């Protein structure tokens, strides 16, 4: 089976452009797309809702996945690398990334270029984790300096769906991350207004709520 995977994350992007690019590549390389998996406006959705898990589950050895470019797979280096490994290493399927001119074929054991690129992706994913860790620590120090105590007090019953991610939310907010981005890219659940109210409640009596950060 040959799958064409398409997704867009903003209104400005369109499915037709990616479909045309994949179709052109397939024709030039004597490949026939058997099935399309596509999703529109997906940046706010989880991996499952972006249907990438559906694609991976259906893959078998020797299948082919064609994607217009690397950024269509995931929203971070770490996530993208995990998806590549799932497709190529676990499912033993071939992954073609057109704009990067990458043909990751598990049957091609002698392709040193692919091995080098995967190593580079792994290093970048590790670097990305380090950057996130450092920003998180900076956020925690900033909150501590303002007198905000992180973590849920003992004996407190969870009253909000955001409670389980309270520390993460407050750290991101303290670093100046917009509330809309916290909802859409870091939590992948909830709504802008409800999270805004939650943060305001958490910071009450500790930090003056700054409406500018919520823009």
Protein backbone atom coordinates (compact mmCIF):
# COMPACT_ATOMS: atom_id res chain seq x y z
CA UNK A 1 0.00 0.00 0.00
CA UNK A 2 1.10 3.53 -0.75
CA UNK A 3 -0.34 6.21 1.52
CA UNK A 4 -0.39 9.95 0.95
CA UNK A 5 -0.49 11.78 4.29
CA UNK A 6 -1.63 15.39 4.32
CA UNK A 7 -2.34 17.79 7.16
CA UNK A 8 -2.57 21.55 7.55
CA UNK A 9 -2.17 23.50 10.75
CA UNK A 10 -3.31 26.99 9.72
CA UNK A 11 -6.08 28.44 7.62
CA UNK A 12 -3.52 29.79 5.15
CA UNK A 13 -2.28 26.34 4.28
CA UNK A 14 -4.36 24.10 2.04
CA UNK A 15 -4.74 20.42 1.40
CA UNK A 16 -4.74 20.82 -2.38
CA UNK A 17 -1.17 22.12 -2.48
CA UNK A 18 0.20 19.13 -0.57
CA UNK A 19 -1.92 16.70 -2.57
CA UNK A 20 -0.65 18.13 -5.87
CA UNK A 21 2.97 17.93 -4.71
CA UNK A 22 2.56 14.29 -3.64
CA UNK A 23 0.71 13.37 -6.84
CA UNK A 24 3.42 14.96 -8.98
CA UNK A 25 6.14 13.11 -7.11
CA UNK A 26 4.26 9.81 -7.39
CA UNK A 27 3.81 10.16 -11.15
CA UNK A 28 7.46 11.07 -11.69
CA UNK A 29 8.55 7.99 -9.75
CA UNK A 30 5.96 5.53 -11.12
CA UNK A 31 4.11 5.26 -7.82
CA UNK A 32 0.34 5.07 -7.39
CA UNK A 33 -1.31 6.46 -4.25
CA UNK A 34 -3.69 3.78 -2.95
CA UNK A 35 -5.17 5.83 -0.13
CA UNK A 36 -5.11 9.38 1.21
CA UNK A 37 -5.13 10.25 4.89
CA UNK A 38 -5.78 13.93 5.36
CA UNK A 39 -6.85 16.32 8.08
CA UNK A 40 -7.48 20.03 8.07
CA UNK A 41 -6.76 22.57 10.86
CA UNK A 42 -4.89 20.10 13.06
CA UNK A 43 -2.38 22.11 15.08
CA UNK A 44 -4.73 22.09 18.09
CA UNK A 45 -5.22 18.34 17.98
CA UNK A 46 -3.39 15.47 19.63
CA UNK A 47 -1.37 12.93 17.65
CA UNK A 48 -4.38 10.60 17.65
CA UNK A 49 -6.74 13.28 16.35
CA UNK A 50 -4.22 14.22 13.67
CA UNK A 51 -4.71 10.63 12.44
CA UNK A 52 -0.99 9.87 12.47
CA UNK A 53 -1.61 7.01 14.90
CA UNK A 54 -4.28 5.67 12.56
CA UNK A 55 -1.76 5.69 9.73
CA UNK A 56 0.98 4.02 11.78
CA UNK A 57 -1.39 1.30 13.05
CA UNK A 58 -2.39 0.40 9.50
CA UNK A 59 1.15 0.18 8.15
CA UNK A 60 2.80 -3.10 7.26
CA UNK A 61 6.31 -3.91 6.12
CA UNK A 62 7.04 -2.66 2.58
CA UNK A 63 4.24 -0.07 2.68
CA UNK A 64 5.12 3.46 1.56
CA UNK A 65 4.16 6.77 3.17
CA UNK A 66 4.60 9.94 1.13
CA UNK A 67 4.51 13.32 2.87
CA UNK A 68 5.10 16.73 1.34
CA UNK A 69 7.59 17.82 4.02
CA UNK A 70 9.00 17.01 7.45
CA UNK A 71 6.89 19.57 9.33
CA UNK A 72 3.66 17.80 8.32
CA UNK A 73 4.53 14.83 10.56
CA UNK A 74 4.90 16.49 13.96
CA UNK A 75 4.92 19.76 15.84
CA UNK A 76 8.31 19.33 17.50
CA UNK A 77 11.61 17.66 16.67
CA UNK A 78 11.08 15.06 19.38
CA UNK A 79 7.57 14.19 18.20
CA UNK A 80 8.64 14.08 14.54
CA UNK A 81 11.57 11.80 15.31
CA UNK A 82 9.29 9.45 17.23
CA UNK A 83 6.92 9.25 14.27
CA UNK A 84 9.78 8.58 11.85
CA UNK A 85 11.10 5.79 14.06
CA UNK A 86 7.61 4.28 14.37
CA UNK A 87 7.13 4.23 10.60
CA UNK A 88 10.61 3.16 9.49
CA UNK A 89 12.09 1.17 12.38
CA UNK A 90 9.02 -0.44 13.95
CA UNK A 91 6.65 -0.86 11.01
CA UNK A 92 9.48 -1.31 8.47
CA UNK A 93 7.66 0.94 6.05
CA UNK A 94 9.26 3.36 3.64
CA UNK A 95 8.89 7.08 4.33
CA UNK A 96 9.34 9.68 1.61
CA UNK A 97 9.66 13.37 2.51
CA UNK A 98 9.49 15.25 -0.76
CA UNK A 99 10.78 18.75 0.06
CA UNK A 100 13.68 17.40 2.09
CA UNK A 101 14.48 14.93 -0.70
CA UNK A 102 14.56 12.11 1.85
CA UNK A 103 13.70 8.51 1.08
CA UNK A 104 13.91 6.57 4.35
CA UNK A 105 13.77 2.95 3.27
CA UNK A 106 14.38 0.27 5.93
CA UNK A 107 15.35 -2.17 3.18
CA UNK A 108 18.26 0.03 2.12
CA UNK A 109 20.78 -0.98 4.78
CA UNK A 110 23.69 0.76 3.05
CA UNK A 111 22.21 4.24 2.84
CA UNK A 112 24.61 6.17 5.07
CA UNK A 113 22.87 9.47 4.33
CA UNK A 114 19.69 8.27 6.00
CA UNK A 115 21.61 6.98 9.02
CA UNK A 116 23.42 10.29 9.41
CA UNK A 117 20.20 12.27 9.12
CA UNK A 118 18.43 10.14 11.74
CA UNK A 119 21.42 10.68 14.05
CA UNK A 120 21.17 14.43 13.49
CA UNK A 121 17.43 14.35 14.20
CA UNK A 122 18.14 12.51 17.45
CA UNK A 123 20.72 15.10 18.49
CA UNK A 124 18.33 17.93 17.71
CA UNK A 125 15.58 16.24 19.72
CA UNK A 126 17.94 15.98 22.69
CA UNK A 127 18.91 19.64 22.27
CA UNK A 128 15.25 20.59 22.15
CA UNK A 129 14.62 18.70 25.43
CA UNK A 130 17.54 20.55 27.04
CA UNK A 131 16.17 23.93 25.93
CA UNK A 132 12.71 23.10 27.30
CA UNK A 133 14.21 21.90 30.58
CA UNK A 134 16.23 25.09 30.99
CA UNK A 135 13.23 27.31 30.21
CA UNK A 136 11.17 25.34 32.72
CA UNK A 137 13.80 25.87 35.43
CA UNK A 138 13.92 29.57 34.64
CA UNK A 139 10.14 29.75 34.93
CA UNK A 140 10.21 27.96 38.28
CA UNK A 141 12.85 30.36 39.60
CA UNK A 142 10.78 33.32 38.43
CA UNK A 143 7.69 31.99 40.20
CA UNK A 144 9.62 31.28 43.38
CA UNK A 145 10.96 34.85 43.37
CA UNK A 146 7.35 36.11 43.22
CA UNK A 147 6.33 33.94 46.14
CA UNK A 148 4.20 31.49 44.17
CA UNK A 149 4.25 27.96 45.57
CA UNK A 150 4.10 25.29 42.89
CA UNK A 151 2.41 21.96 43.32
CA UNK A 152 -0.98 21.08 44.75
CA UNK A 153 -1.17 21.24 48.56
CA UNK A 154 -1.61 17.89 50.35
CA UNK A 155 -5.20 16.88 50.87
CA UNK A 156 -6.57 19.17 48.15
CA UNK A 157 -9.09 17.48 45.87
CA UNK A 158 -8.67 18.10 42.16
CA UNK A 159 -11.34 20.60 41.13
CA UNK A 160 -10.19 21.56 37.63
CA UNK A 161 -9.11 19.59 34.60
CA UNK A 162 -6.01 21.81 34.58
CA UNK A 163 -4.89 20.77 38.09
CA UNK A 164 -2.82 17.85 36.84
CA UNK A 165 -0.75 20.25 34.71
CA UNK A 166 -0.76 23.15 37.20
CA UNK A 167 3.01 23.44 37.53
CA UNK A 168 3.55 23.23 33.79
CA UNK A 169 0.88 25.86 33.12
CA UNK A 170 2.22 28.34 35.68
CA UNK A 171 5.80 27.84 34.52
CA UNK A 172 4.89 28.48 30.89
CA UNK A 173 2.83 31.53 31.83
CA UNK A 174 5.66 32.89 33.97
CA UNK A 175 7.96 32.60 30.95
CA UNK A 176 5.57 34.79 28.96
CA UNK A 177 4.03 32.05 26.80
CA UNK A 178 0.61 33.28 25.55
CA UNK A 179 -2.39 31.44 26.99
CA UNK A 180 -3.64 30.53 23.52
CA UNK A 181 -0.32 28.83 22.79
CA UNK A 182 -0.37 26.98 26.12
CA UNK A 183 -3.79 25.58 25.21
CA UNK A 184 -3.06 24.76 21.58
CA UNK A 185 0.55 23.61 21.62
CA UNK A 186 1.49 22.53 25.14
CA UNK A 187 -1.69 21.06 26.63
CA UNK A 188 -3.67 20.19 23.49
CA UNK A 189 -6.89 20.38 25.51
CA UNK A 190 -9.06 22.97 27.20
CA UNK A 191 -10.13 26.43 26.08
CA UNK A 192 -8.60 29.88 26.17
CA UNK A 193 -11.15 31.50 28.51
CA UNK A 194 -11.27 28.62 31.01
CA UNK A 195 -7.47 28.44 31.23
CA UNK A 196 -7.27 32.22 31.57
CA UNK A 197 -9.66 32.04 34.53
CA UNK A 198 -7.70 29.14 36.02
CA UNK A 199 -4.39 31.03 35.82
CA UNK A 200 -6.02 34.14 37.28
CA UNK A 201 -7.32 32.09 40.19
CA UNK A 202 -3.91 30.48 40.78
CA UNK A 203 -2.14 33.82 40.78
CA UNK A 204 -4.70 35.61 42.93
CA UNK A 205 -3.06 37.09 46.02
CA UNK A 206 0.36 36.16 44.58
CA UNK A 207 0.91 37.85 41.23
CA UNK A 208 -0.97 40.65 39.55
CA UNK A 209 -2.75 39.22 36.53
CA UNK A 210 -1.39 40.80 33.38
CA UNK A 211 -3.88 40.90 30.57
CA UNK A 212 -1.10 41.59 28.08
CA UNK A 213 0.23 38.05 28.46
CA UNK A 214 -3.11 36.61 27.44
CA UNK A 215 -3.05 38.15 24.00
